[in-house]
Every structure is written in C-alpha cells, then in structure tokens.
PDB file of N, CA and C in Angstrom:
ATOM      1  N   MET A   1       0.847  -1.170   0.000  1.00  0.00           N
ATOM      2  CA  MET A   1       0.000   0.000   0.000  1.00  0.00           C
ATOM      3  C   MET A   1       0.892   1.233   0.000  1.00  0.00           C
ATOM      4  N   MET A   2       0.403   2.293  -0.622  1.00  0.00           N
ATOM      5  CA  MET A   2       1.210   3.504  -0.769  1.00  0.00           C
ATOM      6  C   MET A   2       0.382   4.757  -0.506  1.00  0.00           C
ATOM      7  N   ALA A   3       1.069   5.833  -0.211  1.00  0.00           N
ATOM      8  CA  ALA A   3       0.479   7.163  -0.136  1.00  0.00           C
ATOM      9  C   ALA A   3       1.421   8.092  -0.895  1.00  0.00           C
ATOM     10  N   LEU A   4       0.896   9.214  -1.311  1.00  0.00           N
ATOM     11  CA  LEU A   4       1.686  10.190  -2.064  1.00  0.00           C
ATOM     12  C   LEU A   4       1.915  11.405  -1.175  1.00  0.00           C
ATOM     13  N   THR A   5       3.162  11.803  -1.043  1.00  0.00           N
ATOM     14  CA  THR A   5       3.495  12.931  -0.181  1.00  0.00           C
ATOM     15  C   THR A   5       4.393  13.911  -0.913  1.00  0.00           C
ATOM     16  N   ALA A   6       4.484  15.116  -0.372  1.00  0.00           N
ATOM     17  CA  ALA A   6       5.348  16.161  -0.920  1.00  0.00           C
ATOM     18  C   ALA A   6       5.486  17.243   0.145  1.00  0.00           C
ATOM     19  N   SER A   7       6.260  18.255  -0.166  1.00  0.00           N
ATOM     20  CA  SER A   7       6.342  19.436   0.675  1.00  0.00           C
ATOM     21  C   SER A   7       5.695  20.590  -0.079  1.00  0.00           C
ATOM     22  N   ARG A   8       4.804  21.292   0.612  1.00  0.00           N
ATOM     23  CA  ARG A   8       4.116  22.418  -0.024  1.00  0.00           C
ATOM     24  C   ARG A   8       5.102  23.554  -0.246  1.00  0.00           C
ATOM     25  N   LEU A   9       5.101  24.084  -1.431  1.00  0.00           N
ATOM     26  CA  LEU A   9       6.083  25.091  -1.833  1.00  0.00           C
ATOM     27  C   LEU A   9       5.981  26.373  -1.022  1.00  0.00           C
ATOM     28  N   ILE A  10       4.804  26.816  -0.713  1.00  0.00           N
ATOM     29  CA  ILE A  10       4.630  28.126  -0.080  1.00  0.00           C
ATOM     30  C   ILE A  10       5.116  28.173   1.374  1.00  0.00           C
ATOM     31  N   ASP A  11       5.025  27.049   2.093  1.00  0.00           N
ATOM     32  CA  ASP A  11       5.423  27.086   3.496  1.00  0.00           C
ATOM     33  C   ASP A  11       6.233  25.872   3.968  1.00  0.00           C
ATOM     34  N   GLY A  12       6.473  24.918   3.086  1.00  0.00           N
ATOM     35  CA  GLY A  12       7.265  23.742   3.439  1.00  0.00           C
ATOM     36  C   GLY A  12       6.508  22.679   4.209  1.00  0.00           C
ATOM     37  N   GLU A  13       5.224  22.869   4.424  1.00  0.00           N
ATOM     38  CA  GLU A  13       4.425  21.896   5.165  1.00  0.00           C
ATOM     39  C   GLU A  13       4.390  20.562   4.427  1.00  0.00           C
ATOM     40  N   VAL A  14       4.502  19.478   5.164  1.00  0.00           N
ATOM     41  CA  VAL A  14       4.364  18.143   4.586  1.00  0.00           C
ATOM     42  C   VAL A  14       2.888  17.930   4.261  1.00  0.00           C
ATOM     43  N   VAL A  15       2.622  17.543   3.025  1.00  0.00           N
ATOM     44  CA  VAL A  15       1.236  17.346   2.594  1.00  0.00           C
ATOM     45  C   VAL A  15       1.090  15.973   1.947  1.00  0.00           C
ATOM     46  N   PHE A  16      -0.162  15.546   1.865  1.00  0.00           N
ATOM     47  CA  PHE A  16      -0.494  14.233   1.309  1.00  0.00           C
ATOM     48  C   PHE A  16      -1.595  14.395   0.275  1.00  0.00           C
ATOM     49  N   TRP A  17      -1.546  13.543  -0.721  1.00  0.00           N
ATOM     50  CA  TRP A  17      -2.483  13.582  -1.839  1.00  0.00           C
ATOM     51  C   TRP A  17      -3.790  12.896  -1.459  1.00  0.00           C
ATOM     52  N   ASN A  18      -4.903  13.538  -1.818  1.00  0.00           N
ATOM     53  CA  ASN A  18      -6.203  12.902  -1.653  1.00  0.00           C
ATOM     54  C   ASN A  18      -7.096  13.334  -2.796  1.00  0.00           C
ATOM     55  N   ARG A  19      -7.228  12.464  -3.783  1.00  0.00           N
ATOM     56  CA  ARG A  19      -8.117  12.657  -4.934  1.00  0.00           C
ATOM     57  C   ARG A  19      -7.932  14.032  -5.587  1.00  0.00           C
ATOM     58  N   GLY A  20      -6.694  14.344  -5.891  1.00  0.00           N
ATOM     59  CA  GLY A  20      -6.388  15.575  -6.612  1.00  0.00           C
ATOM     60  C   GLY A  20      -6.178  16.797  -5.744  1.00  0.00           C
ATOM     61  N   GLN A  21      -6.304  16.644  -4.439  1.00  0.00           N
ATOM     62  CA  GLN A  21      -6.109  17.765  -3.520  1.00  0.00           C
ATOM     63  C   GLN A  21      -4.978  17.420  -2.560  1.00  0.00           C
ATOM     64  N   TRP A  22      -4.314  18.431  -2.045  1.00  0.00           N
ATOM     65  CA  TRP A  22      -3.285  18.228  -1.028  1.00  0.00           C
ATOM     66  C   TRP A  22      -3.888  18.491   0.343  1.00  0.00           C
ATOM     67  N   VAL A  23      -3.681  17.555   1.266  1.00  0.00           N
ATOM     68  CA  VAL A  23      -4.167  17.700   2.636  1.00  0.00           C
ATOM     69  C   VAL A  23      -2.978  17.614   3.581  1.00  0.00           C
ATOM     70  N   GLU A  24      -3.112  18.200   4.758  1.00  0.00           N
ATOM     71  CA  GLU A  24      -1.979  18.264   5.691  1.00  0.00           C
ATOM     72  C   GLU A  24      -1.863  17.053   6.596  1.00  0.00           C
ATOM     73  N   ARG A  25      -2.936  16.324   6.786  1.00  0.00           N
ATOM     74  CA  ARG A  25      -2.919  15.209   7.732  1.00  0.00           C
ATOM     75  C   ARG A  25      -2.752  13.872   7.011  1.00  0.00           C
ATOM     76  N   PHE A  26      -1.875  13.024   7.526  1.00  0.00           N
ATOM     77  CA  PHE A  26      -1.696  11.696   6.955  1.00  0.00           C
ATOM     78  C   PHE A  26      -3.002  10.907   7.018  1.00  0.00           C
ATOM     79  N   GLY A  27      -3.770  11.096   8.067  1.00  0.00           N
ATOM     80  CA  GLY A  27      -5.040  10.390   8.213  1.00  0.00           C
ATOM     81  C   GLY A  27      -6.037  10.696   7.124  1.00  0.00           C
ATOM     82  N   GLN A  28      -5.843  11.794   6.403  1.00  0.00           N
ATOM     83  CA  GLN A  28      -6.726  12.166   5.298  1.00  0.00           C
ATOM     84  C   GLN A  28      -6.154  11.758   3.947  1.00  0.00           C
ATOM     85  N   ALA A  29      -4.965  11.172   3.946  1.00  0.00           N
ATOM     86  CA  ALA A  29      -4.310  10.811   2.682  1.00  0.00           C
ATOM     87  C   ALA A  29      -5.041   9.679   1.977  1.00  0.00           C
ATOM     88  N   GLU A  30      -5.046   9.731   0.667  1.00  0.00           N
ATOM     89  CA  GLU A  30      -5.576   8.635  -0.143  1.00  0.00           C
ATOM     90  C   GLU A  30      -4.533   7.519  -0.156  1.00  0.00           C
ATOM     91  N   LEU A  31      -4.978   6.302   0.112  1.00  0.00           N
ATOM     92  CA  LEU A  31      -4.074   5.154   0.100  1.00  0.00           C
ATOM     93  C   LEU A  31      -4.285   4.363  -1.176  1.00  0.00           C
ATOM     94  N   PHE A  32      -3.190   3.973  -1.816  1.00  0.00           N
ATOM     95  CA  PHE A  32      -3.235   3.278  -3.104  1.00  0.00           C
ATOM     96  C   PHE A  32      -2.792   1.833  -2.928  1.00  0.00           C
ATOM     97  N   GLU A  33      -3.572   0.933  -3.480  1.00  0.00           N
ATOM     98  CA  GLU A  33      -3.171  -0.472  -3.478  1.00  0.00           C
ATOM     99  C   GLU A  33      -2.543  -0.857  -4.814  1.00  0.00           C
ATOM    100  N   ALA A  34      -2.973  -0.212  -5.884  1.00  0.00           N
ATOM    101  CA  ALA A  34      -2.485  -0.547  -7.222  1.00  0.00           C
ATOM    102  C   ALA A  34      -1.392   0.416  -7.661  1.00  0.00           C
ATOM    103  N   ASP A  35      -0.290  -0.151  -8.190  1.00  0.00           N
ATOM    104  CA  ASP A  35       0.819   0.670  -8.672  1.00  0.00           C
ATOM    105  C   ASP A  35       0.391   1.623  -9.782  1.00  0.00           C
ATOM    106  N   GLU A  36      -0.490   1.162 -10.659  1.00  0.00           N
ATOM    107  CA  GLU A  36      -0.902   1.987 -11.791  1.00  0.00           C
ATOM    108  C   GLU A  36      -1.642   3.245 -11.327  1.00  0.00           C
ATOM    109  N   VAL A  37      -2.563   3.096 -10.417  1.00  0.00           N
ATOM    110  CA  VAL A  37      -3.328   4.239  -9.906  1.00  0.00           C
ATOM    111  C   VAL A  37      -2.409   5.185  -9.141  1.00  0.00           C
ATOM    112  N   ALA A  38      -1.511   4.616  -8.354  1.00  0.00           N
ATOM    113  CA  ALA A  38      -0.566   5.437  -7.605  1.00  0.00           C
ATOM    114  C   ALA A  38       0.345   6.209  -8.559  1.00  0.00           C
ATOM    115  N   GLY A  39       0.783   5.549  -9.608  1.00  0.00           N
ATOM    116  CA  GLY A  39       1.641   6.208 -10.590  1.00  0.00           C
ATOM    117  C   GLY A  39       0.931   7.346 -11.306  1.00  0.00           C
ATOM    118  N   GLN A  40      -0.346   7.159 -11.592  1.00  0.00           N
ATOM    119  CA  GLN A  40      -1.121   8.231 -12.223  1.00  0.00           C
ATOM    120  C   GLN A  40      -1.244   9.433 -11.284  1.00  0.00           C
ATOM    121  N   ALA A  41      -1.471   9.178 -10.015  1.00  0.00           N
ATOM    122  CA  ALA A  41      -1.563  10.273  -9.048  1.00  0.00           C
ATOM    123  C   ALA A  41      -0.219  10.986  -8.918  1.00  0.00           C
ATOM    124  N   GLU A  42       0.870  10.209  -8.891  1.00  0.00           N
ATOM    125  CA  GLU A  42       2.206  10.800  -8.798  1.00  0.00           C
ATOM    126  C   GLU A  42       2.497  11.675 -10.016  1.00  0.00           C
ATOM    127  N   ALA A  43       2.111  11.201 -11.193  1.00  0.00           N
ATOM    128  CA  ALA A  43       2.323  11.987 -12.408  1.00  0.00           C
ATOM    129  C   ALA A  43       1.524  13.286 -12.358  1.00  0.00           C
ATOM    130  N   ALA A  44       0.285  13.207 -11.877  1.00  0.00           N
ATOM    131  CA  ALA A  44      -0.543  14.414 -11.757  1.00  0.00           C
ATOM    132  C   ALA A  44       0.077  15.385 -10.753  1.00  0.00           C
ATOM    133  N   ALA A  45       0.599  14.844  -9.649  1.00  0.00           N
ATOM    134  CA  ALA A  45       1.218  15.696  -8.629  1.00  0.00           C
ATOM    135  C   ALA A  45       2.479  16.369  -9.159  1.00  0.00           C
ATOM    136  N   LYS A  46       3.257  15.625  -9.940  1.00  0.00           N
ATOM    137  CA  LYS A  46       4.478  16.205 -10.503  1.00  0.00           C
ATOM    138  C   LYS A  46       4.171  17.290 -11.527  1.00  0.00           C
ATOM    139  N   GLY A  47       2.932  17.353 -11.959  1.00  0.00           N
ATOM    140  CA  GLY A  47       2.493  18.420 -12.865  1.00  0.00           C
ATOM    141  C   GLY A  47       2.104  19.691 -12.129  1.00  0.00           C
ATOM    142  N   GLN A  48       2.395  19.744 -10.820  1.00  0.00           N
ATOM    143  CA  GLN A  48       2.073  20.926 -10.016  1.00  0.00           C
ATOM    144  C   GLN A  48       3.346  21.526  -9.403  1.00  0.00           C
ATOM    145  N   PRO A  49       4.323  21.893 -10.222  1.00  0.00           N
ATOM    146  CA  PRO A  49       5.591  22.383  -9.660  1.00  0.00           C
ATOM    147  C   PRO A  49       5.474  23.713  -8.936  1.00  0.00           C
ATOM    148  N   ASN A  50       4.376  24.426  -9.112  1.00  0.00           N
ATOM    149  CA  ASN A  50       4.190  25.686  -8.397  1.00  0.00           C
ATOM    150  C   ASN A  50       3.438  25.508  -7.085  1.00  0.00           C
ATOM    151  N   VAL A  51       3.056  24.265  -6.780  1.00  0.00           N
ATOM    152  CA  VAL A  51       2.290  23.971  -5.562  1.00  0.00           C
ATOM    153  C   VAL A  51       3.114  23.163  -4.574  1.00  0.00           C
ATOM    154  N   VAL A  52       3.785  22.108  -5.051  1.00  0.00           N
ATOM    155  CA  VAL A  52       4.548  21.217  -4.172  1.00  0.00           C
ATOM    156  C   VAL A  52       5.938  20.957  -4.751  1.00  0.00           C
ATOM    157  N   ILE A  53       6.814  20.499  -3.864  1.00  0.00           N
ATOM    158  CA  ILE A  53       8.171  20.136  -4.258  1.00  0.00           C
ATOM    159  C   ILE A  53       8.329  18.626  -4.121  1.00  0.00           C
ATOM    160  N   ASP A  54       8.844  18.004  -5.145  1.00  0.00           N
ATOM    161  CA  ASP A  54       9.265  16.603  -5.107  1.00  0.00           C
ATOM    162  C   ASP A  54       8.222  15.630  -4.574  1.00  0.00           C
ATOM    163  N   PRO A  55       7.057  15.542  -5.198  1.00  0.00           N
ATOM    164  CA  PRO A  55       6.092  14.531  -4.738  1.00  0.00           C
ATOM    165  C   PRO A  55       6.619  13.121  -4.992  1.00  0.00           C
ATOM    166  N   TYR A  56       6.375  12.216  -4.039  1.00  0.00           N
ATOM    167  CA  TYR A  56       6.828  10.841  -4.185  1.00  0.00           C
ATOM    168  C   TYR A  56       5.931   9.906  -3.387  1.00  0.00           C
ATOM    169  N   LEU A  57       5.937   8.660  -3.805  1.00  0.00           N
ATOM    170  CA  LEU A  57       5.136   7.631  -3.150  1.00  0.00           C
ATOM    171  C   LEU A  57       5.896   7.053  -1.970  1.00  0.00           C
ATOM    172  N   ILE A  58       5.175   6.785  -0.890  1.00  0.00           N
ATOM    173  CA  ILE A  58       5.785   6.163   0.282  1.00  0.00           C
ATOM    174  C   ILE A  58       5.042   4.869   0.597  1.00  0.00           C
ATOM    175  N   ALA A  59       5.761   3.955   1.191  1.00  0.00           N
ATOM    176  CA  ALA A  59       5.157   2.694   1.604  1.00  0.00           C
ATOM    177  C   ALA A  59       4.362   2.912   2.888  1.00  0.00           C
ATOM    178  N   VAL A  60       3.185   2.316   2.919  1.00  0.00           N
ATOM    179  CA  VAL A  60       2.289   2.422   4.074  1.00  0.00           C
ATOM    180  C   VAL A  60       1.878   1.013   4.471  1.00  0.00           C
ATOM    181  N   SER A  61       1.763   0.775   5.740  1.00  0.00           N
ATOM    182  CA  SER A  61       1.306  -0.542   6.187  1.00  0.00           C
ATOM    183  C   SER A  61       0.264  -0.385   7.289  1.00  0.00           C
ATOM    184  N   GLU A  62      -0.456  -1.462   7.495  1.00  0.00           N
ATOM    185  CA  GLU A  62      -1.452  -1.452   8.545  1.00  0.00           C
ATOM    186  C   GLU A  62      -0.745  -1.458   9.891  1.00  0.00           C
ATOM    187  N   ALA A  63      -1.186  -0.581  10.744  1.00  0.00           N
ATOM    188  CA  ALA A  63      -0.633  -0.504  12.089  1.00  0.00           C
ATOM    189  C   ALA A  63      -1.768  -0.781  13.066  1.00  0.00           C
ATOM    190  N   GLU A  64      -1.456  -0.697  14.316  1.00  0.00           N
ATOM    191  CA  GLU A  64      -2.485  -0.908  15.329  1.00  0.00           C
ATOM    192  C   GLU A  64      -3.581   0.139  15.157  1.00  0.00           C
ATOM    193  N   ASP A  65      -4.767  -0.287  14.789  1.00  0.00           N
ATOM    194  CA  ASP A  65      -5.939   0.585  14.697  1.00  0.00           C
ATOM    195  C   ASP A  65      -5.869   1.625  13.576  1.00  0.00           C
ATOM    196  N   GLY A  66      -5.146   1.316  12.497  1.00  0.00           N
ATOM    197  CA  GLY A  66      -5.105   2.246  11.372  1.00  0.00           C
ATOM    198  C   GLY A  66      -3.940   1.958  10.452  1.00  0.00           C
ATOM    199  N   PHE A  67      -3.509   2.970   9.726  1.00  0.00           N
ATOM    200  CA  PHE A  67      -2.390   2.852   8.805  1.00  0.00           C
ATOM    201  C   PHE A  67      -1.330   3.877   9.168  1.00  0.00           C
ATOM    202  N   ALA A  68      -0.074   3.528   8.841  1.00  0.00           N
ATOM    203  CA  ALA A  68       1.039   4.432   9.126  1.00  0.00           C
ATOM    204  C   ALA A  68       2.124   4.224   8.086  1.00  0.00           C
ATOM    205  N   PRO A  69       2.925   5.259   7.818  1.00  0.00           N
ATOM    206  CA  PRO A  69       4.068   5.068   6.925  1.00  0.00           C
ATOM    207  C   PRO A  69       5.006   4.003   7.490  1.00  0.00           C
ATOM    208  N   VAL A  70       5.610   3.230   6.617  1.00  0.00           N
ATOM    209  CA  VAL A  70       6.513   2.167   7.041  1.00  0.00           C
ATOM    210  C   VAL A  70       7.818   2.746   7.589  1.00  0.00           C
ATOM    211  N   ALA A  71       8.403   3.666   6.869  1.00  0.00           N
ATOM    212  CA  ALA A  71       9.714   4.205   7.236  1.00  0.00           C
ATOM    213  C   ALA A  71       9.612   5.212   8.375  1.00  0.00           C
ATOM    214  N   TYR A  72      10.556   5.127   9.265  1.00  0.00           N
ATOM    215  CA  TYR A  72      10.606   6.048  10.400  1.00  0.00           C
ATOM    216  C   TYR A  72      10.661   7.496   9.925  1.00  0.00           C
ATOM    217  N   ARG A  73      11.434   7.763   8.899  1.00  0.00           N
ATOM    218  CA  ARG A  73      11.551   9.112   8.352  1.00  0.00           C
ATOM    219  C   ARG A  73      10.183   9.649   7.928  1.00  0.00           C
ATOM    220  N   GLU A  74       9.410   8.813   7.281  1.00  0.00           N
ATOM    221  CA  GLU A  74       8.094   9.260   6.803  1.00  0.00           C
ATOM    222  C   GLU A  74       7.117   9.423   7.956  1.00  0.00           C
ATOM    223  N   ARG A  75       7.269   8.615   9.002  1.00  0.00           N
ATOM    224  CA  ARG A  75       6.412   8.805  10.179  1.00  0.00           C
ATOM    225  C   ARG A  75       6.724  10.150  10.830  1.00  0.00           C
ATOM    226  N   LEU A  76       8.008  10.505  10.900  1.00  0.00           N
ATOM    227  CA  LEU A  76       8.383  11.805  11.453  1.00  0.00           C
ATOM    228  C   LEU A  76       7.819  12.938  10.609  1.00  0.00           C
ATOM    229  N   ARG A  77       7.915  12.804   9.287  1.00  0.00           N
ATOM    230  CA  ARG A  77       7.367  13.840   8.404  1.00  0.00           C
ATOM    231  C   ARG A  77       5.856  13.980   8.608  1.00  0.00           C
ATOM    232  N   ALA A  78       5.159  12.839   8.750  1.00  0.00           N
ATOM    233  CA  ALA A  78       3.703  12.861   8.910  1.00  0.00           C
ATOM    234  C   ALA A  78       3.279  13.474  10.245  1.00  0.00           C
ATOM    235  N   LEU A  79       4.149  13.396  11.230  1.00  0.00           N
ATOM    236  CA  LEU A  79       3.818  13.955  12.541  1.00  0.00           C
ATOM    237  C   LEU A  79       4.079  15.449  12.623  1.00  0.00           C
ATOM    238  N   GLY A  80       4.705  16.007  11.604  1.00  0.00           N
ATOM    239  CA  GLY A  80       4.969  17.443  11.620  1.00  0.00           C
ATOM    240  C   GLY A  80       6.251  17.741  12.355  1.00  0.00           C
ATOM    241  N   PRO A  81       6.395  18.920  12.887  1.00  0.00           N
ATOM    242  CA  PRO A  81       7.629  19.260  13.600  1.00  0.00           C
ATOM    243  C   PRO A  81       7.839  18.308  14.767  1.00  0.00           C
ATOM    244  N   THR A  82       9.110  18.040  15.078  1.00  0.00           N
ATOM    245  CA  THR A  82       9.409  17.132  16.180  1.00  0.00           C
ATOM    246  C   THR A  82       9.172  17.785  17.533  1.00  0.00           C
ATOM    247  N   ASN A  83       8.980  19.095  17.541  1.00  0.00           N
ATOM    248  CA  ASN A  83       8.639  19.794  18.775  1.00  0.00           C
ATOM    249  C   ASN A  83       7.192  19.468  19.124  1.00  0.00           C
ATOM    250  N   LEU A  84       6.951  18.900  20.278  1.00  0.00           N
ATOM    251  CA  LEU A  84       5.607  18.450  20.653  1.00  0.00           C
ATOM    252  C   LEU A  84       4.639  19.586  20.941  1.00  0.00           C
ATOM    253  N   ARG A  85       5.121  20.794  21.050  1.00  0.00           N
ATOM    254  CA  ARG A  85       4.256  21.892  21.470  1.00  0.00           C
ATOM    255  C   ARG A  85       3.660  22.689  20.323  1.00  0.00           C
ATOM    256  N   HIS A  86       3.818  22.257  19.134  1.00  0.00           N
ATOM    257  CA  HIS A  86       3.123  22.905  18.024  1.00  0.00           C
ATOM    258  C   HIS A  86       3.013  21.928  16.854  1.00  0.00           C
ATOM    259  N   GLY A  87       2.180  22.284  15.916  1.00  0.00           N
ATOM    260  CA  GLY A  87       2.010  21.456  14.733  1.00  0.00           C
ATOM    261  C   GLY A  87       1.044  20.308  14.944  1.00  0.00           C
ATOM    262  N   LYS A  88       1.202  19.293  14.131  1.00  0.00           N
ATOM    263  CA  LYS A  88       0.272  18.161  14.111  1.00  0.00           C
ATOM    264  C   LYS A  88       0.281  17.385  15.425  1.00  0.00           C
ATOM    265  N   GLN A  89       1.438  17.272  16.069  1.00  0.00           N
ATOM    266  CA  GLN A  89       1.486  16.534  17.321  1.00  0.00           C
ATOM    267  C   GLN A  89       0.720  17.252  18.425  1.00  0.00           C
ATOM    268  N   GLU A  90       0.773  18.578  18.420  1.00  0.00           N
ATOM    269  CA  GLU A  90       0.006  19.315  19.419  1.00  0.00           C
ATOM    270  C   GLU A  90      -1.498  19.171  19.165  1.00  0.00           C
ATOM    271  N   GLU A  91      -1.877  19.191  17.876  1.00  0.00           N
ATOM    272  CA  GLU A  91      -3.289  19.042  17.527  1.00  0.00           C
ATOM    273  C   GLU A  91      -3.798  17.652  17.908  1.00  0.00           C
ATOM    274  N   GLY A  92      -2.911  16.660  17.830  1.00  0.00           N
ATOM    275  CA  GLY A  92      -3.290  15.294  18.182  1.00  0.00           C
ATOM    276  C   GLY A  92      -4.265  14.692  17.187  1.00  0.00           C
ATOM    277  N   GLY A  93      -4.997  13.704  17.627  1.00  0.00           N
ATOM    278  CA  GLY A  93      -5.959  13.033  16.767  1.00  0.00           C
ATOM    279  C   GLY A  93      -5.596  11.569  16.576  1.00  0.00           C
ATOM    280  N   HIS A  94      -6.528  10.854  16.001  1.00  0.00           N
ATOM    281  CA  HIS A  94      -6.363   9.416  15.824  1.00  0.00           C
ATOM    282  C   HIS A  94      -5.143   9.085  14.962  1.00  0.00           C
ATOM    283  N   ASP A  95      -4.949   9.809  13.843  1.00  0.00           N
ATOM    284  CA  ASP A  95      -3.817   9.502  12.967  1.00  0.00           C
ATOM    285  C   ASP A  95      -2.481   9.719  13.668  1.00  0.00           C
ATOM    286  N   VAL A  96      -2.381  10.735  14.495  1.00  0.00           N
ATOM    287  CA  VAL A  96      -1.148  10.979  15.245  1.00  0.00           C
ATOM    288  C   VAL A  96      -0.900   9.838  16.231  1.00  0.00           C
ATOM    289  N   GLU A  97      -1.945   9.378  16.891  1.00  0.00           N
ATOM    290  CA  GLU A  97      -1.796   8.274  17.839  1.00  0.00           C
ATOM    291  C   GLU A  97      -1.339   6.998  17.140  1.00  0.00           C
ATOM    292  N   VAL A  98      -1.934   6.716  15.969  1.00  0.00           N
ATOM    293  CA  VAL A  98      -1.558   5.514  15.214  1.00  0.00           C
ATOM    294  C   VAL A  98      -0.097   5.587  14.799  1.00  0.00           C
ATOM    295  N   ILE A  99       0.315   6.728  14.284  1.00  0.00           N
ATOM    296  CA  ILE A  99       1.691   6.875  13.800  1.00  0.00           C
ATOM    297  C   ILE A  99       2.691   6.781  14.946  1.00  0.00           C
ATOM    298  N   THR A 100       2.385   7.366  16.070  1.00  0.00           N
ATOM    299  CA  THR A 100       3.344   7.321  17.184  1.00  0.00           C
ATOM    300  C   THR A 100       3.499   5.911  17.748  1.00  0.00           C
ATOM    301  N   ARG A 101       2.494   5.060  17.571  1.00  0.00           N
ATOM    302  CA  ARG A 101       2.599   3.677  18.058  1.00  0.00           C
ATOM    303  C   ARG A 101       3.172   2.730  17.010  1.00  0.00           C
ATOM    304  N   ALA A 102       3.262   3.182  15.756  1.00  0.00           N
ATOM    305  CA  ALA A 102       3.711   2.310  14.666  1.00  0.00           C
ATOM    306  C   ALA A 102       5.191   1.975  14.803  1.00  0.00           C
ATOM    307  N   VAL A 103       5.540   0.819  14.293  1.00  0.00           N
ATOM    308  CA  VAL A 103       6.932   0.392  14.240  1.00  0.00           C
ATOM    309  C   VAL A 103       7.236  -0.023  12.806  1.00  0.00           C
ATOM    310  N   GLY A 104       8.495  -0.007  12.459  1.00  0.00           N
ATOM    311  CA  GLY A 104       8.865  -0.392  11.102  1.00  0.00           C
ATOM    312  C   GLY A 104      10.327  -0.154  10.875  1.00  0.00           C
ATOM    313  N   VAL A 105      10.705  -0.053   9.627  1.00  0.00           N
ATOM    314  CA  VAL A 105      12.111   0.111   9.287  1.00  0.00           C
ATOM    315  C   VAL A 105      12.630   1.430   9.824  1.00  0.00           C
ATOM    316  N   ALA A 106      13.872   1.438  10.220  1.00  0.00           N
ATOM    317  CA  ALA A 106      14.464   2.650  10.757  1.00  0.00           C
ATOM    318  C   ALA A 106      15.017   3.543   9.665  1.00  0.00           C
ATOM    319  N   ARG A 107      15.478   2.972   8.611  1.00  0.00           N
ATOM    320  CA  ARG A 107      16.057   3.755   7.526  1.00  0.00           C
ATOM    321  C   ARG A 107      15.580   3.180   6.203  1.00  0.00           C
ATOM    322  N   SER A 108      15.618   3.999   5.195  1.00  0.00           N
ATOM    323  CA  SER A 108      15.229   3.611   3.839  1.00  0.00           C
ATOM    324  C   SER A 108      13.799   3.075   3.824  1.00  0.00           C
ATOM    325  N   GLY A 109      13.410   2.494   2.742  1.00  0.00           N
ATOM    326  CA  GLY A 109      12.087   1.914   2.645  1.00  0.00           C
ATOM    327  C   GLY A 109      10.971   2.921   2.548  1.00  0.00           C
ATOM    328  N   GLY A 110      11.266   4.190   2.638  1.00  0.00           N
ATOM    329  CA  GLY A 110      10.217   5.193   2.604  1.00  0.00           C
ATOM    330  C   GLY A 110       9.727   5.493   1.216  1.00  0.00           C
ATOM    331  N   ARG A 111      10.637   5.809   0.345  1.00  0.00           N
ATOM    332  CA  ARG A 111      10.246   6.146  -1.017  1.00  0.00           C
ATOM    333  C   ARG A 111      10.005   4.873  -1.796  1.00  0.00           C
ATOM    334  N   HIS A 112       8.805   4.765  -2.274  1.00  0.00           N
ATOM    335  CA  HIS A 112       8.412   3.549  -2.965  1.00  0.00           C
ATOM    336  C   HIS A 112       9.301   3.283  -4.180  1.00  0.00           C
ATOM    337  N   ASN A 113       9.627   4.300  -4.945  1.00  0.00           N
ATOM    338  CA  ASN A 113      10.401   4.098  -6.169  1.00  0.00           C
ATOM    339  C   ASN A 113      11.841   3.712  -5.904  1.00  0.00           C
ATOM    340  N   LEU A 114      12.359   4.037  -4.718  1.00  0.00           N
ATOM    341  CA  LEU A 114      13.735   3.678  -4.424  1.00  0.00           C
ATOM    342  C   LEU A 114      13.867   2.202  -4.088  1.00  0.00           C
ATOM    343  N   ILE A 115      12.813   1.620  -3.551  1.00  0.00           N
ATOM    344  CA  ILE A 115      12.904   0.213  -3.188  1.00  0.00           C
ATOM    345  C   ILE A 115      12.278  -0.680  -4.248  1.00  0.00           C
ATOM    346  N   LYS A 116      11.571  -0.091  -5.163  1.00  0.00           N
ATOM    347  CA  LYS A 116      10.914  -0.861  -6.214  1.00  0.00           C
ATOM    348  C   LYS A 116      11.924  -1.106  -7.328  1.00  0.00           C
ATOM    349  N   ARG A 117      12.199  -2.327  -7.582  1.00  0.00           N
ATOM    350  CA  ARG A 117      13.141  -2.685  -8.643  1.00  0.00           C
ATOM    351  C   ARG A 117      12.381  -2.866  -9.939  1.00  0.00           C
ATOM    352  N   LYS A 118      12.852  -2.188 -10.967  1.00  0.00           N
ATOM    353  CA  LYS A 118      12.192  -2.294 -12.281  1.00  0.00           C
ATOM    354  C   LYS A 118      13.028  -3.136 -13.193  1.00  0.00           C
TER     355      LYS A 118
END
C-alpha cells in the first residue's frame, strides 16, 4: 500500500495527496493499493511544480488501529515538527496516535520508487 506525499512550496508543510487535492494530515491521505493508480496520481502531482516540491510515493502498512508510513523518516514527516508543542502533534488526533505507536524500518524503505526494482 502507498500514499503520495510532498512538501508544499509556499510554506514547506508536509502534505499528502487525496483525490487531486493536497491535505496536511496523513489520516486524510488517499491510500493506493495498485501501482498503476498510484503512478497516475504521482504523475498528476508532478504536474504541479508551483504547488509542491518533489512529490513521491511512500510505503504504508497497517498498524495498530489504522495505517502508518513504514519508514521512520516518513512517520516523522507525517507527525509534523518534532517539537511536541506545536504542529500536528500538538493538535493530536487518531492519525497521530496511530503513527506514534507504529513500528517499522528505521532507515530507507520510505520512497516507494527507491525500493521498487524495475
């Protein structure tokens, strides 16, 4: 399973793709099971160079009571700033709780295209 992420150009916020729109919360991200559909979304996202920087697919797996990025790096990005007193972690919510409890690879494995052998 995959999700599409990028950094928003105007403020650097980590955003996620959901049916043609960028959303700030991982819990609102569209999850892709098929490579073809995910690739089409990635291509559409890459056609927005004035909106986001470097959109890419990340691996997502089922976690306790929801879904979370597989790679530790992507979980950190999804949680927002590492400072607990502002951003997504301060706002809290179900997706933040799921991500903070998730476990997975410590390095690599985040970008789907880097681990996908063609």
